[in-house]
Amino acid sequence: MTNAMILLQAGSQNPTSMMFILGAMILVFWLFMIRPQAKKAKQAKEFQQNLQKGAKVVTIAGIHGTINKVNEDNTIMLETSPGSYMKIEKSAISIEWSQALNKPAEAAK
């Protein structure tokens, strides 16, 4: 056998096995990348929809405050210090930082 014949035999693989490998790669990509991202986005949307007056939150810019009013136009009035209010979008609230802020308070109760 010559080297050319060996290379020719090694290069010809079953197309079905190649499709199986491609499908497995797509499945792994979906399981480890797309699915967790979609789950996290769903949790963030639920959290933002359930915001209520009096909740302590942190914005994605790092601003700490207490919700004073939830508006119908998808915004909230955030009290940053007594008598000082900011109107911000609900989507600007960080779910991770807000939950971390409220976790010690819940554990103390």
PDB file of N, CA and C in Angstrom:
ATOM      1  N   MET A   1       0.828  -1.177   0.000  1.00  0.00           N
ATOM      2  CA  MET A   1       0.000   0.000   0.000  1.00  0.00           C
ATOM      3  C   MET A   1       0.875   1.244   0.000  1.00  0.00           C
ATOM      4  N   THR A   2       0.477   2.205  -0.785  1.00  0.00           N
ATOM      5  CA  THR A   2       1.241   3.449  -0.826  1.00  0.00           C
ATOM      6  C   THR A   2       0.619   4.448   0.132  1.00  0.00           C
ATOM      7  N   ASN A   3       1.349   5.509   0.380  1.00  0.00           N
ATOM      8  CA  ASN A   3       0.858   6.548   1.283  1.00  0.00           C
ATOM      9  C   ASN A   3      -0.410   7.213   0.750  1.00  0.00           C
ATOM     10  N   ALA A   4      -0.522   7.341  -0.554  1.00  0.00           N
ATOM     11  CA  ALA A   4      -1.709   7.964  -1.151  1.00  0.00           C
ATOM     12  C   ALA A   4      -2.947   7.134  -0.883  1.00  0.00           C
ATOM     13  N   MET A   5      -2.842   5.820  -0.934  1.00  0.00           N
ATOM     14  CA  MET A   5      -4.003   4.954  -0.692  1.00  0.00           C
ATOM     15  C   MET A   5      -4.436   5.014   0.771  1.00  0.00           C
ATOM     16  N   ILE A   6      -3.486   5.109   1.681  1.00  0.00           N
ATOM     17  CA  ILE A   6      -3.807   5.196   3.108  1.00  0.00           C
ATOM     18  C   ILE A   6      -4.539   6.510   3.399  1.00  0.00           C
ATOM     19  N   LEU A   7      -4.072   7.621   2.822  1.00  0.00           N
ATOM     20  CA  LEU A   7      -4.729   8.906   3.027  1.00  0.00           C
ATOM     21  C   LEU A   7      -6.134   8.914   2.432  1.00  0.00           C
ATOM     22  N   LEU A   8      -6.313   8.276   1.293  1.00  0.00           N
ATOM     23  CA  LEU A   8      -7.622   8.210   0.657  1.00  0.00           C
ATOM     24  C   LEU A   8      -8.608   7.436   1.525  1.00  0.00           C
ATOM     25  N   GLN A   9      -8.177   6.344   2.125  1.00  0.00           N
ATOM     26  CA  GLN A   9      -9.049   5.555   2.980  1.00  0.00           C
ATOM     27  C   GLN A   9      -9.373   6.306   4.274  1.00  0.00           C
ATOM     28  N   ALA A  10      -8.425   7.046   4.826  1.00  0.00           N
ATOM     29  CA  ALA A  10      -8.658   7.775   6.074  1.00  0.00           C
ATOM     30  C   ALA A  10      -9.594   8.952   5.860  1.00  0.00           C
ATOM     31  N   GLY A  11      -9.614   9.540   4.681  1.00  0.00           N
ATOM     32  CA  GLY A  11     -10.448  10.703   4.409  1.00  0.00           C
ATOM     33  C   GLY A  11     -11.892  10.369   4.115  1.00  0.00           C
ATOM     34  N   SER A  12     -12.201   9.154   3.739  1.00  0.00           N
ATOM     35  CA  SER A  12     -13.585   8.802   3.405  1.00  0.00           C
ATOM     36  C   SER A  12     -14.280   8.240   4.636  1.00  0.00           C
ATOM     37  N   GLN A  13     -15.120   9.091   5.274  1.00  0.00           N
ATOM     38  CA  GLN A  13     -15.861   8.664   6.456  1.00  0.00           C
ATOM     39  C   GLN A  13     -17.343   8.603   6.116  1.00  0.00           C
ATOM     40  N   ASN A  14     -18.083   7.940   6.940  1.00  0.00           N
ATOM     41  CA  ASN A  14     -19.515   7.775   6.759  1.00  0.00           C
ATOM     42  C   ASN A  14     -20.215   9.119   7.002  1.00  0.00           C
ATOM     43  N   PRO A  15     -21.022   9.627   6.058  1.00  0.00           N
ATOM     44  CA  PRO A  15     -21.717  10.908   6.251  1.00  0.00           C
ATOM     45  C   PRO A  15     -22.696  10.865   7.426  1.00  0.00           C
ATOM     46  N   THR A  16     -23.234   9.694   7.733  1.00  0.00           N
ATOM     47  CA  THR A  16     -24.163   9.574   8.852  1.00  0.00           C
ATOM     48  C   THR A  16     -23.461   9.847  10.175  1.00  0.00           C
ATOM     49  N   SER A  17     -22.242   9.352  10.316  1.00  0.00           N
ATOM     50  CA  SER A  17     -21.508   9.602  11.565  1.00  0.00           C
ATOM     51  C   SER A  17     -21.124  11.073  11.682  1.00  0.00           C
ATOM     52  N   MET A  18     -20.831  11.722  10.570  1.00  0.00           N
ATOM     53  CA  MET A  18     -20.515  13.159  10.615  1.00  0.00           C
ATOM     54  C   MET A  18     -21.748  13.963  11.030  1.00  0.00           C
ATOM     55  N   MET A  19     -22.922  13.580  10.540  1.00  0.00           N
ATOM     56  CA  MET A  19     -24.156  14.269  10.923  1.00  0.00           C
ATOM     57  C   MET A  19     -24.465  14.042  12.398  1.00  0.00           C
ATOM     58  N   PHE A  20     -24.180  12.841  12.886  1.00  0.00           N
ATOM     59  CA  PHE A  20     -24.394  12.539  14.301  1.00  0.00           C
ATOM     60  C   PHE A  20     -23.480  13.406  15.178  1.00  0.00           C
ATOM     61  N   ILE A  21     -22.235  13.542  14.787  1.00  0.00           N
ATOM     62  CA  ILE A  21     -21.283  14.360  15.546  1.00  0.00           C
ATOM     63  C   ILE A  21     -21.716  15.820  15.524  1.00  0.00           C
ATOM     64  N   LEU A  22     -22.139  16.317  14.374  1.00  0.00           N
ATOM     65  CA  LEU A  22     -22.607  17.698  14.271  1.00  0.00           C
ATOM     66  C   LEU A  22     -23.839  17.915  15.152  1.00  0.00           C
ATOM     67  N   GLY A  23     -24.770  16.972  15.127  1.00  0.00           N
ATOM     68  CA  GLY A  23     -25.962  17.073  15.978  1.00  0.00           C
ATOM     69  C   GLY A  23     -25.617  17.062  17.455  1.00  0.00           C
ATOM     70  N   ALA A  24     -24.662  16.218  17.829  1.00  0.00           N
ATOM     71  CA  ALA A  24     -24.231  16.165  19.232  1.00  0.00           C
ATOM     72  C   ALA A  24     -23.584  17.482  19.651  1.00  0.00           C
ATOM     73  N   MET A  25     -22.810  18.089  18.770  1.00  0.00           N
ATOM     74  CA  MET A  25     -22.179  19.376  19.089  1.00  0.00           C
ATOM     75  C   MET A  25     -23.224  20.473  19.268  1.00  0.00           C
ATOM     76  N   ILE A  26     -24.245  20.469  18.416  1.00  0.00           N
ATOM     77  CA  ILE A  26     -25.315  21.461  18.542  1.00  0.00           C
ATOM     78  C   ILE A  26     -26.088  21.254  19.845  1.00  0.00           C
ATOM     79  N   LEU A  27     -26.354  20.021  20.216  1.00  0.00           N
ATOM     80  CA  LEU A  27     -27.054  19.713  21.461  1.00  0.00           C
ATOM     81  C   LEU A  27     -26.259  20.189  22.674  1.00  0.00           C
ATOM     82  N   VAL A  28     -24.965  19.924  22.688  1.00  0.00           N
ATOM     83  CA  VAL A  28     -24.115  20.363  23.798  1.00  0.00           C
ATOM     84  C   VAL A  28     -24.089  21.881  23.873  1.00  0.00           C
ATOM     85  N   PHE A  29     -23.976  22.543  22.730  1.00  0.00           N
ATOM     86  CA  PHE A  29     -23.982  24.012  22.699  1.00  0.00           C
ATOM     87  C   PHE A  29     -25.288  24.548  23.278  1.00  0.00           C
ATOM     88  N   TRP A  30     -26.418  23.947  22.891  1.00  0.00           N
ATOM     89  CA  TRP A  30     -27.712  24.392  23.399  1.00  0.00           C
ATOM     90  C   TRP A  30     -27.819  24.171  24.902  1.00  0.00           C
ATOM     91  N   LEU A  31     -27.380  23.001  25.393  1.00  0.00           N
ATOM     92  CA  LEU A  31     -27.489  22.683  26.817  1.00  0.00           C
ATOM     93  C   LEU A  31     -26.651  23.603  27.695  1.00  0.00           C
ATOM     94  N   PHE A  32     -25.459  23.957  27.231  1.00  0.00           N
ATOM     95  CA  PHE A  32     -24.543  24.711  28.086  1.00  0.00           C
ATOM     96  C   PHE A  32     -24.498  26.204  27.808  1.00  0.00           C
ATOM     97  N   MET A  33     -25.055  26.665  26.699  1.00  0.00           N
ATOM     98  CA  MET A  33     -24.980  28.088  26.382  1.00  0.00           C
ATOM     99  C   MET A  33     -26.360  28.746  26.263  1.00  0.00           C
ATOM    100  N   ILE A  34     -27.198  28.242  25.409  1.00  0.00           N
ATOM    101  CA  ILE A  34     -28.463  28.907  25.096  1.00  0.00           C
ATOM    102  C   ILE A  34     -29.495  28.717  26.204  1.00  0.00           C
ATOM    103  N   ARG A  35     -29.658  27.502  26.693  1.00  0.00           N
ATOM    104  CA  ARG A  35     -30.677  27.214  27.710  1.00  0.00           C
ATOM    105  C   ARG A  35     -30.443  27.990  29.013  1.00  0.00           C
ATOM    106  N   PRO A  36     -29.230  27.993  29.582  1.00  0.00           N
ATOM    107  CA  PRO A  36     -29.033  28.769  30.810  1.00  0.00           C
ATOM    108  C   PRO A  36     -29.243  30.275  30.613  1.00  0.00           C
ATOM    109  N   GLN A  37     -28.858  30.788  29.451  1.00  0.00           N
ATOM    110  CA  GLN A  37     -29.042  32.206  29.177  1.00  0.00           C
ATOM    111  C   GLN A  37     -30.524  32.558  29.115  1.00  0.00           C
ATOM    112  N   ALA A  38     -31.315  31.721  28.474  1.00  0.00           N
ATOM    113  CA  ALA A  38     -32.756  31.965  28.382  1.00  0.00           C
ATOM    114  C   ALA A  38     -33.410  31.869  29.760  1.00  0.00           C
ATOM    115  N   LYS A  39     -32.976  30.919  30.565  1.00  0.00           N
ATOM    116  CA  LYS A  39     -33.519  30.763  31.921  1.00  0.00           C
ATOM    117  C   LYS A  39     -33.209  31.995  32.773  1.00  0.00           C
ATOM    118  N   LYS A  40     -31.995  32.499  32.662  1.00  0.00           N
ATOM    119  CA  LYS A  40     -31.588  33.679  33.418  1.00  0.00           C
ATOM    120  C   LYS A  40     -32.377  34.910  32.969  1.00  0.00           C
ATOM    121  N   ALA A  41     -32.615  35.053  31.675  1.00  0.00           N
ATOM    122  CA  ALA A  41     -33.397  36.182  31.155  1.00  0.00           C
ATOM    123  C   ALA A  41     -34.842  36.108  31.650  1.00  0.00           C
ATOM    124  N   LYS A  42     -35.399  34.911  31.711  1.00  0.00           N
ATOM    125  CA  LYS A  42     -36.764  34.739  32.198  1.00  0.00           C
ATOM    126  C   LYS A  42     -36.868  35.121  33.676  1.00  0.00           C
ATOM    127  N   GLN A  43     -35.874  34.711  34.477  1.00  0.00           N
ATOM    128  CA  GLN A  43     -35.861  35.060  35.901  1.00  0.00           C
ATOM    129  C   GLN A  43     -35.765  36.571  36.085  1.00  0.00           C
ATOM    130  N   ALA A  44     -34.915  37.227  35.307  1.00  0.00           N
ATOM    131  CA  ALA A  44     -34.746  38.675  35.415  1.00  0.00           C
ATOM    132  C   ALA A  44     -36.041  39.396  35.054  1.00  0.00           C
ATOM    133  N   LYS A  45     -36.721  38.930  34.012  1.00  0.00           N
ATOM    134  CA  LYS A  45     -37.979  39.556  33.602  1.00  0.00           C
ATOM    135  C   LYS A  45     -39.040  39.388  34.683  1.00  0.00           C
ATOM    136  N   GLU A  46     -39.135  38.192  35.267  1.00  0.00           N
ATOM    137  CA  GLU A  46     -40.088  37.952  36.365  1.00  0.00           C
ATOM    138  C   GLU A  46     -39.787  38.858  37.554  1.00  0.00           C
ATOM    139  N   PHE A  47     -38.513  38.961  37.907  1.00  0.00           N
ATOM    140  CA  PHE A  47     -38.096  39.799  39.032  1.00  0.00           C
ATOM    141  C   PHE A  47     -38.497  41.251  38.786  1.00  0.00           C
ATOM    142  N   GLN A  48     -38.251  41.751  37.587  1.00  0.00           N
ATOM    143  CA  GLN A  48     -38.563  43.137  37.270  1.00  0.00           C
ATOM    144  C   GLN A  48     -40.063  43.386  37.234  1.00  0.00           C
ATOM    145  N   GLN A  49     -40.847  42.412  36.816  1.00  0.00           N
ATOM    146  CA  GLN A  49     -42.302  42.574  36.783  1.00  0.00           C
ATOM    147  C   GLN A  49     -42.911  42.550  38.192  1.00  0.00           C
ATOM    148  N   ASN A  50     -42.246  41.883  39.139  1.00  0.00           N
ATOM    149  CA  ASN A  50     -42.774  41.748  40.497  1.00  0.00           C
ATOM    150  C   ASN A  50     -42.227  42.788  41.469  1.00  0.00           C
ATOM    151  N   LEU A  51     -41.569  43.821  40.974  1.00  0.00           N
ATOM    152  CA  LEU A  51     -41.059  44.863  41.860  1.00  0.00           C
ATOM    153  C   LEU A  51     -42.225  45.598  42.515  1.00  0.00           C
ATOM    154  N   GLN A  52     -42.075  45.872  43.825  1.00  0.00           N
ATOM    155  CA  GLN A  52     -43.142  46.536  44.569  1.00  0.00           C
ATOM    156  C   GLN A  52     -42.571  47.680  45.392  1.00  0.00           C
ATOM    157  N   LYS A  53     -43.451  48.570  45.807  1.00  0.00           N
ATOM    158  CA  LYS A  53     -43.066  49.708  46.626  1.00  0.00           C
ATOM    159  C   LYS A  53     -42.415  49.215  47.919  1.00  0.00           C
ATOM    160  N   GLY A  54     -41.328  49.861  48.304  1.00  0.00           N
ATOM    161  CA  GLY A  54     -40.632  49.515  49.532  1.00  0.00           C
ATOM    162  C   GLY A  54     -39.477  48.551  49.355  1.00  0.00           C
ATOM    163  N   ALA A  55     -39.340  47.971  48.169  1.00  0.00           N
ATOM    164  CA  ALA A  55     -38.247  47.016  47.924  1.00  0.00           C
ATOM    165  C   ALA A  55     -36.926  47.764  47.780  1.00  0.00           C
ATOM    166  N   LYS A  56     -35.907  47.233  48.410  1.00  0.00           N
ATOM    167  CA  LYS A  56     -34.557  47.798  48.275  1.00  0.00           C
ATOM    168  C   LYS A  56     -33.908  47.153  47.064  1.00  0.00           C
ATOM    169  N   VAL A  57     -33.396  47.996  46.143  1.00  0.00           N
ATOM    170  CA  VAL A  57     -32.836  47.500  44.886  1.00  0.00           C
ATOM    171  C   VAL A  57     -31.518  48.207  44.575  1.00  0.00           C
ATOM    172  N   VAL A  58     -30.800  47.632  43.635  1.00  0.00           N
ATOM    173  CA  VAL A  58     -29.565  48.214  43.115  1.00  0.00           C
ATOM    174  C   VAL A  58     -29.694  48.225  41.596  1.00  0.00           C
ATOM    175  N   THR A  59     -29.354  49.348  40.967  1.00  0.00           N
ATOM    176  CA  THR A  59     -29.424  49.430  39.519  1.00  0.00           C
ATOM    177  C   THR A  59     -28.164  48.828  38.900  1.00  0.00           C
ATOM    178  N   ILE A  60     -28.184  48.633  37.587  1.00  0.00           N
ATOM    179  CA  ILE A  60     -27.002  48.099  36.909  1.00  0.00           C
ATOM    180  C   ILE A  60     -25.855  49.102  36.933  1.00  0.00           C
ATOM    181  N   ALA A  61     -26.152  50.362  37.240  1.00  0.00           N
ATOM    182  CA  ALA A  61     -25.115  51.382  37.377  1.00  0.00           C
ATOM    183  C   ALA A  61     -24.565  51.440  38.799  1.00  0.00           C
ATOM    184  N   GLY A  62     -25.159  50.651  39.716  1.00  0.00           N
ATOM    185  CA  GLY A  62     -24.671  50.596  41.092  1.00  0.00           C
ATOM    186  C   GLY A  62     -25.364  51.556  42.036  1.00  0.00           C
ATOM    187  N   ILE A  63     -26.466  52.150  41.619  1.00  0.00           N
ATOM    188  CA  ILE A  63     -27.200  53.088  42.474  1.00  0.00           C
ATOM    189  C   ILE A  63     -28.125  52.298  43.394  1.00  0.00           C
ATOM    190  N   HIS A  64     -27.982  52.534  44.696  1.00  0.00           N
ATOM    191  CA  HIS A  64     -28.815  51.857  45.698  1.00  0.00           C
ATOM    192  C   HIS A  64     -29.996  52.751  46.040  1.00  0.00           C
ATOM    193  N   GLY A  65     -31.159  52.129  46.265  1.00  0.00           N
ATOM    194  CA  GLY A  65     -32.319  52.905  46.650  1.00  0.00           C
ATOM    195  C   GLY A  65     -33.485  52.023  47.017  1.00  0.00           C
ATOM    196  N   THR A  66     -34.594  52.693  47.361  1.00  0.00           N
ATOM    197  CA  THR A  66     -35.838  52.018  47.726  1.00  0.00           C
ATOM    198  C   THR A  66     -36.913  52.447  46.741  1.00  0.00           C
ATOM    199  N   ILE A  67     -37.691  51.501  46.274  1.00  0.00           N
ATOM    200  CA  ILE A  67     -38.751  51.825  45.317  1.00  0.00           C
ATOM    201  C   ILE A  67     -39.847  52.599  46.034  1.00  0.00           C
ATOM    202  N   ASN A  68     -40.172  53.778  45.497  1.00  0.00           N
ATOM    203  CA  ASN A  68     -41.214  54.612  46.070  1.00  0.00           C
ATOM    204  C   ASN A  68     -42.528  54.447  45.324  1.00  0.00           C
ATOM    205  N   LYS A  69     -42.437  54.238  43.988  1.00  0.00           N
ATOM    206  CA  LYS A  69     -43.645  54.109  43.182  1.00  0.00           C
ATOM    207  C   LYS A  69     -43.320  53.294  41.935  1.00  0.00           C
ATOM    208  N   VAL A  70     -44.242  52.405  41.568  1.00  0.00           N
ATOM    209  CA  VAL A  70     -44.114  51.639  40.328  1.00  0.00           C
ATOM    210  C   VAL A  70     -45.091  52.245  39.332  1.00  0.00           C
ATOM    211  N   ASN A  71     -44.569  52.772  38.229  1.00  0.00           N
ATOM    212  CA  ASN A  71     -45.398  53.438  37.219  1.00  0.00           C
ATOM    213  C   ASN A  71     -45.893  52.440  36.175  1.00  0.00           C
ATOM    214  N   GLU A  72     -46.935  52.832  35.457  1.00  0.00           N
ATOM    215  CA  GLU A  72     -47.518  51.976  34.426  1.00  0.00           C
ATOM    216  C   GLU A  72     -46.671  51.927  33.155  1.00  0.00           C
ATOM    217  N   ASP A  73     -45.796  52.894  32.949  1.00  0.00           N
ATOM    218  CA  ASP A  73     -44.999  52.960  31.719  1.00  0.00           C
ATOM    219  C   ASP A  73     -43.665  52.207  31.837  1.00  0.00           C
ATOM    220  N   ASN A  74     -43.650  51.183  32.691  1.00  0.00           N
ATOM    221  CA  ASN A  74     -42.470  50.320  32.872  1.00  0.00           C
ATOM    222  C   ASN A  74     -41.297  51.056  33.525  1.00  0.00           C
ATOM    223  N   THR A  75     -41.606  52.081  34.319  1.00  0.00           N
ATOM    224  CA  THR A  75     -40.583  52.801  35.062  1.00  0.00           C
ATOM    225  C   THR A  75     -40.920  52.748  36.544  1.00  0.00           C
ATOM    226  N   ILE A  76     -39.945  53.114  37.371  1.00  0.00           N
ATOM    227  CA  ILE A  76     -40.162  53.205  38.811  1.00  0.00           C
ATOM    228  C   ILE A  76     -39.571  54.506  39.325  1.00  0.00           C
ATOM    229  N   MET A  77     -40.098  54.962  40.451  1.00  0.00           N
ATOM    230  CA  MET A  77     -39.512  56.104  41.145  1.00  0.00           C
ATOM    231  C   MET A  77     -38.657  55.528  42.260  1.00  0.00           C
ATOM    232  N   LEU A  78     -37.364  55.783  42.189  1.00  0.00           N
ATOM    233  CA  LEU A  78     -36.409  55.232  43.138  1.00  0.00           C
ATOM    234  C   LEU A  78     -35.960  56.330  44.095  1.00  0.00           C
ATOM    235  N   GLU A  79     -36.147  56.090  45.384  1.00  0.00           N
ATOM    236  CA  GLU A  79     -35.702  57.043  46.403  1.00  0.00           C
ATOM    237  C   GLU A  79     -34.272  56.667  46.791  1.00  0.00           C
ATOM    238  N   THR A  80     -33.320  57.529  46.411  1.00  0.00           N
ATOM    239  CA  THR A  80     -31.916  57.239  46.676  1.00  0.00           C
ATOM    240  C   THR A  80     -31.479  57.748  48.042  1.00  0.00           C
ATOM    241  N   SER A  81     -32.057  58.824  48.489  1.00  0.00           N
ATOM    242  CA  SER A  81     -31.856  59.339  49.847  1.00  0.00           C
ATOM    243  C   SER A  81     -33.160  60.031  50.227  1.00  0.00           C
ATOM    244  N   PRO A  82     -33.396  60.295  51.507  1.00  0.00           N
ATOM    245  CA  PRO A  82     -34.685  60.876  51.899  1.00  0.00           C
ATOM    246  C   PRO A  82     -35.008  62.158  51.124  1.00  0.00           C
ATOM    247  N   GLY A  83     -36.098  62.110  50.368  1.00  0.00           N
ATOM    248  CA  GLY A  83     -36.545  63.261  49.591  1.00  0.00           C
ATOM    249  C   GLY A  83     -35.922  63.380  48.207  1.00  0.00           C
ATOM    250  N   SER A  84     -35.043  62.478  47.840  1.00  0.00           N
ATOM    251  CA  SER A  84     -34.377  62.525  46.532  1.00  0.00           C
ATOM    252  C   SER A  84     -34.843  61.336  45.687  1.00  0.00           C
ATOM    253  N   TYR A  85     -35.472  61.632  44.548  1.00  0.00           N
ATOM    254  CA  TYR A  85     -36.073  60.581  43.723  1.00  0.00           C
ATOM    255  C   TYR A  85     -35.481  60.583  42.315  1.00  0.00           C
ATOM    256  N   MET A  86     -35.442  59.392  41.728  1.00  0.00           N
ATOM    257  CA  MET A  86     -34.993  59.228  40.342  1.00  0.00           C
ATOM    258  C   MET A  86     -36.030  58.375  39.622  1.00  0.00           C
ATOM    259  N   LYS A  87     -36.342  58.737  38.395  1.00  0.00           N
ATOM    260  CA  LYS A  87     -37.236  57.915  37.576  1.00  0.00           C
ATOM    261  C   LYS A  87     -36.348  57.065  36.677  1.00  0.00           C
ATOM    262  N   ILE A  88     -36.455  55.731  36.822  1.00  0.00           N
ATOM    263  CA  ILE A  88     -35.620  54.836  36.024  1.00  0.00           C
ATOM    264  C   ILE A  88     -36.473  53.717  35.429  1.00  0.00           C
ATOM    265  N   GLU A  89     -35.946  53.080  34.404  1.00  0.00           N
ATOM    266  CA  GLU A  89     -36.605  51.937  33.780  1.00  0.00           C
ATOM    267  C   GLU A  89     -36.491  50.711  34.690  1.00  0.00           C
ATOM    268  N   LYS A  90     -37.503  49.858  34.656  1.00  0.00           N
ATOM    269  CA  LYS A  90     -37.440  48.610  35.428  1.00  0.00           C
ATOM    270  C   LYS A  90     -36.287  47.732  34.959  1.00  0.00           C
ATOM    271  N   SER A  91     -35.996  47.791  33.680  1.00  0.00           N
ATOM    272  CA  SER A  91     -34.928  46.951  33.125  1.00  0.00           C
ATOM    273  C   SER A  91     -33.550  47.368  33.625  1.00  0.00           C
ATOM    274  N   ALA A  92     -33.442  48.529  34.287  1.00  0.00           N
ATOM    275  CA  ALA A  92     -32.160  48.987  34.820  1.00  0.00           C
ATOM    276  C   ALA A  92     -31.878  48.418  36.213  1.00  0.00           C
ATOM    277  N   ILE A  93     -32.795  47.611  36.743  1.00  0.00           N
ATOM    278  CA  ILE A  93     -32.596  47.008  38.058  1.00  0.00           C
ATOM    279  C   ILE A  93     -31.810  45.715  37.891  1.00  0.00           C
ATOM    280  N   SER A  94     -30.752  45.568  38.671  1.00  0.00           N
ATOM    281  CA  SER A  94     -29.917  44.367  38.623  1.00  0.00           C
ATOM    282  C   SER A  94     -30.492  43.312  39.556  1.00  0.00           C
ATOM    283  N   ILE A  95     -30.844  42.172  39.003  1.00  0.00           N
ATOM    284  CA  ILE A  95     -31.409  41.087  39.806  1.00  0.00           C
ATOM    285  C   ILE A  95     -30.364  40.523  40.763  1.00  0.00           C
ATOM    286  N   GLU A  96     -29.133  40.331  40.291  1.00  0.00           N
ATOM    287  CA  GLU A  96     -28.086  39.734  41.123  1.00  0.00           C
ATOM    288  C   GLU A  96     -27.742  40.630  42.306  1.00  0.00           C
ATOM    289  N   TRP A  97     -27.506  41.905  42.038  1.00  0.00           N
ATOM    290  CA  TRP A  97     -27.111  42.822  43.110  1.00  0.00           C
ATOM    291  C   TRP A  97     -28.251  43.085  44.078  1.00  0.00           C
ATOM    292  N   SER A  98     -29.474  43.166  43.564  1.00  0.00           N
ATOM    293  CA  SER A  98     -30.625  43.408  44.439  1.00  0.00           C
ATOM    294  C   SER A  98     -30.863  42.219  45.359  1.00  0.00           C
ATOM    295  N   GLN A  99     -30.740  41.012  44.830  1.00  0.00           N
ATOM    296  CA  GLN A  99     -30.913  39.830  45.678  1.00  0.00           C
ATOM    297  C   GLN A  99     -29.784  39.726  46.698  1.00  0.00           C
ATOM    298  N   ALA A 100     -28.568  40.092  46.321  1.00  0.00           N
ATOM    299  CA  ALA A 100     -27.448  40.059  47.268  1.00  0.00           C
ATOM    300  C   ALA A 100     -27.650  41.099  48.376  1.00  0.00           C
ATOM    301  N   LEU A 101     -28.213  42.238  48.021  1.00  0.00           N
ATOM    302  CA  LEU A 101     -28.487  43.296  49.005  1.00  0.00           C
ATOM    303  C   LEU A 101     -29.531  42.839  50.011  1.00  0.00           C
ATOM    304  N   ASN A 102     -30.558  42.149  49.544  1.00  0.00           N
ATOM    305  CA  ASN A 102     -31.666  41.730  50.413  1.00  0.00           C
ATOM    306  C   ASN A 102     -31.399  40.416  51.134  1.00  0.00           C
ATOM    307  N   LYS A 103     -30.422  39.648  50.727  1.00  0.00           N
ATOM    308  CA  LYS A 103     -30.144  38.356  51.348  1.00  0.00           C
ATOM    309  C   LYS A 103     -29.758  38.478  52.822  1.00  0.00           C
ATOM    310  N   PRO A 104     -28.806  39.358  53.208  1.00  0.00           N
ATOM    311  CA  PRO A 104     -28.486  39.474  54.639  1.00  0.00           C
ATOM    312  C   PRO A 104     -29.674  39.932  55.485  1.00  0.00           C
ATOM    313  N   ALA A 105     -30.526  40.786  54.932  1.00  0.00           N
ATOM    314  CA  ALA A 105     -31.686  41.263  55.664  1.00  0.00           C
ATOM    315  C   ALA A 105     -32.673  40.122  55.901  1.00  0.00           C
ATOM    316  N   GLU A 106     -32.843  39.255  54.906  1.00  0.00           N
ATOM    317  CA  GLU A 106     -33.754  38.127  55.052  1.00  0.00           C
ATOM    318  C   GLU A 106     -33.200  37.098  56.025  1.00  0.00           C
ATOM    319  N   ALA A 107     -31.872  36.905  56.028  1.00  0.00           N
ATOM    320  CA  ALA A 107     -31.248  35.922  56.920  1.00  0.00           C
ATOM    321  C   ALA A 107     -31.330  36.383  58.388  1.00  0.00           C
ATOM    322  N   ALA A 108     -31.328  37.694  58.629  1.00  0.00           N
ATOM    323  CA  ALA A 108     -31.388  38.211  59.991  1.00  0.00           C
ATOM    324  C   ALA A 108     -32.765  38.053  60.607  1.00  0.00           C
ATOM    325  N   LYS A 109     -33.795  37.942  59.776  1.00  0.00           N
ATOM    326  CA  LYS A 109     -35.170  37.831  60.297  1.00  0.00           C
ATOM    327  C   LYS A 109     -35.446  36.527  60.907  1.00  0.00           C
TER     328      LYS A 109
END
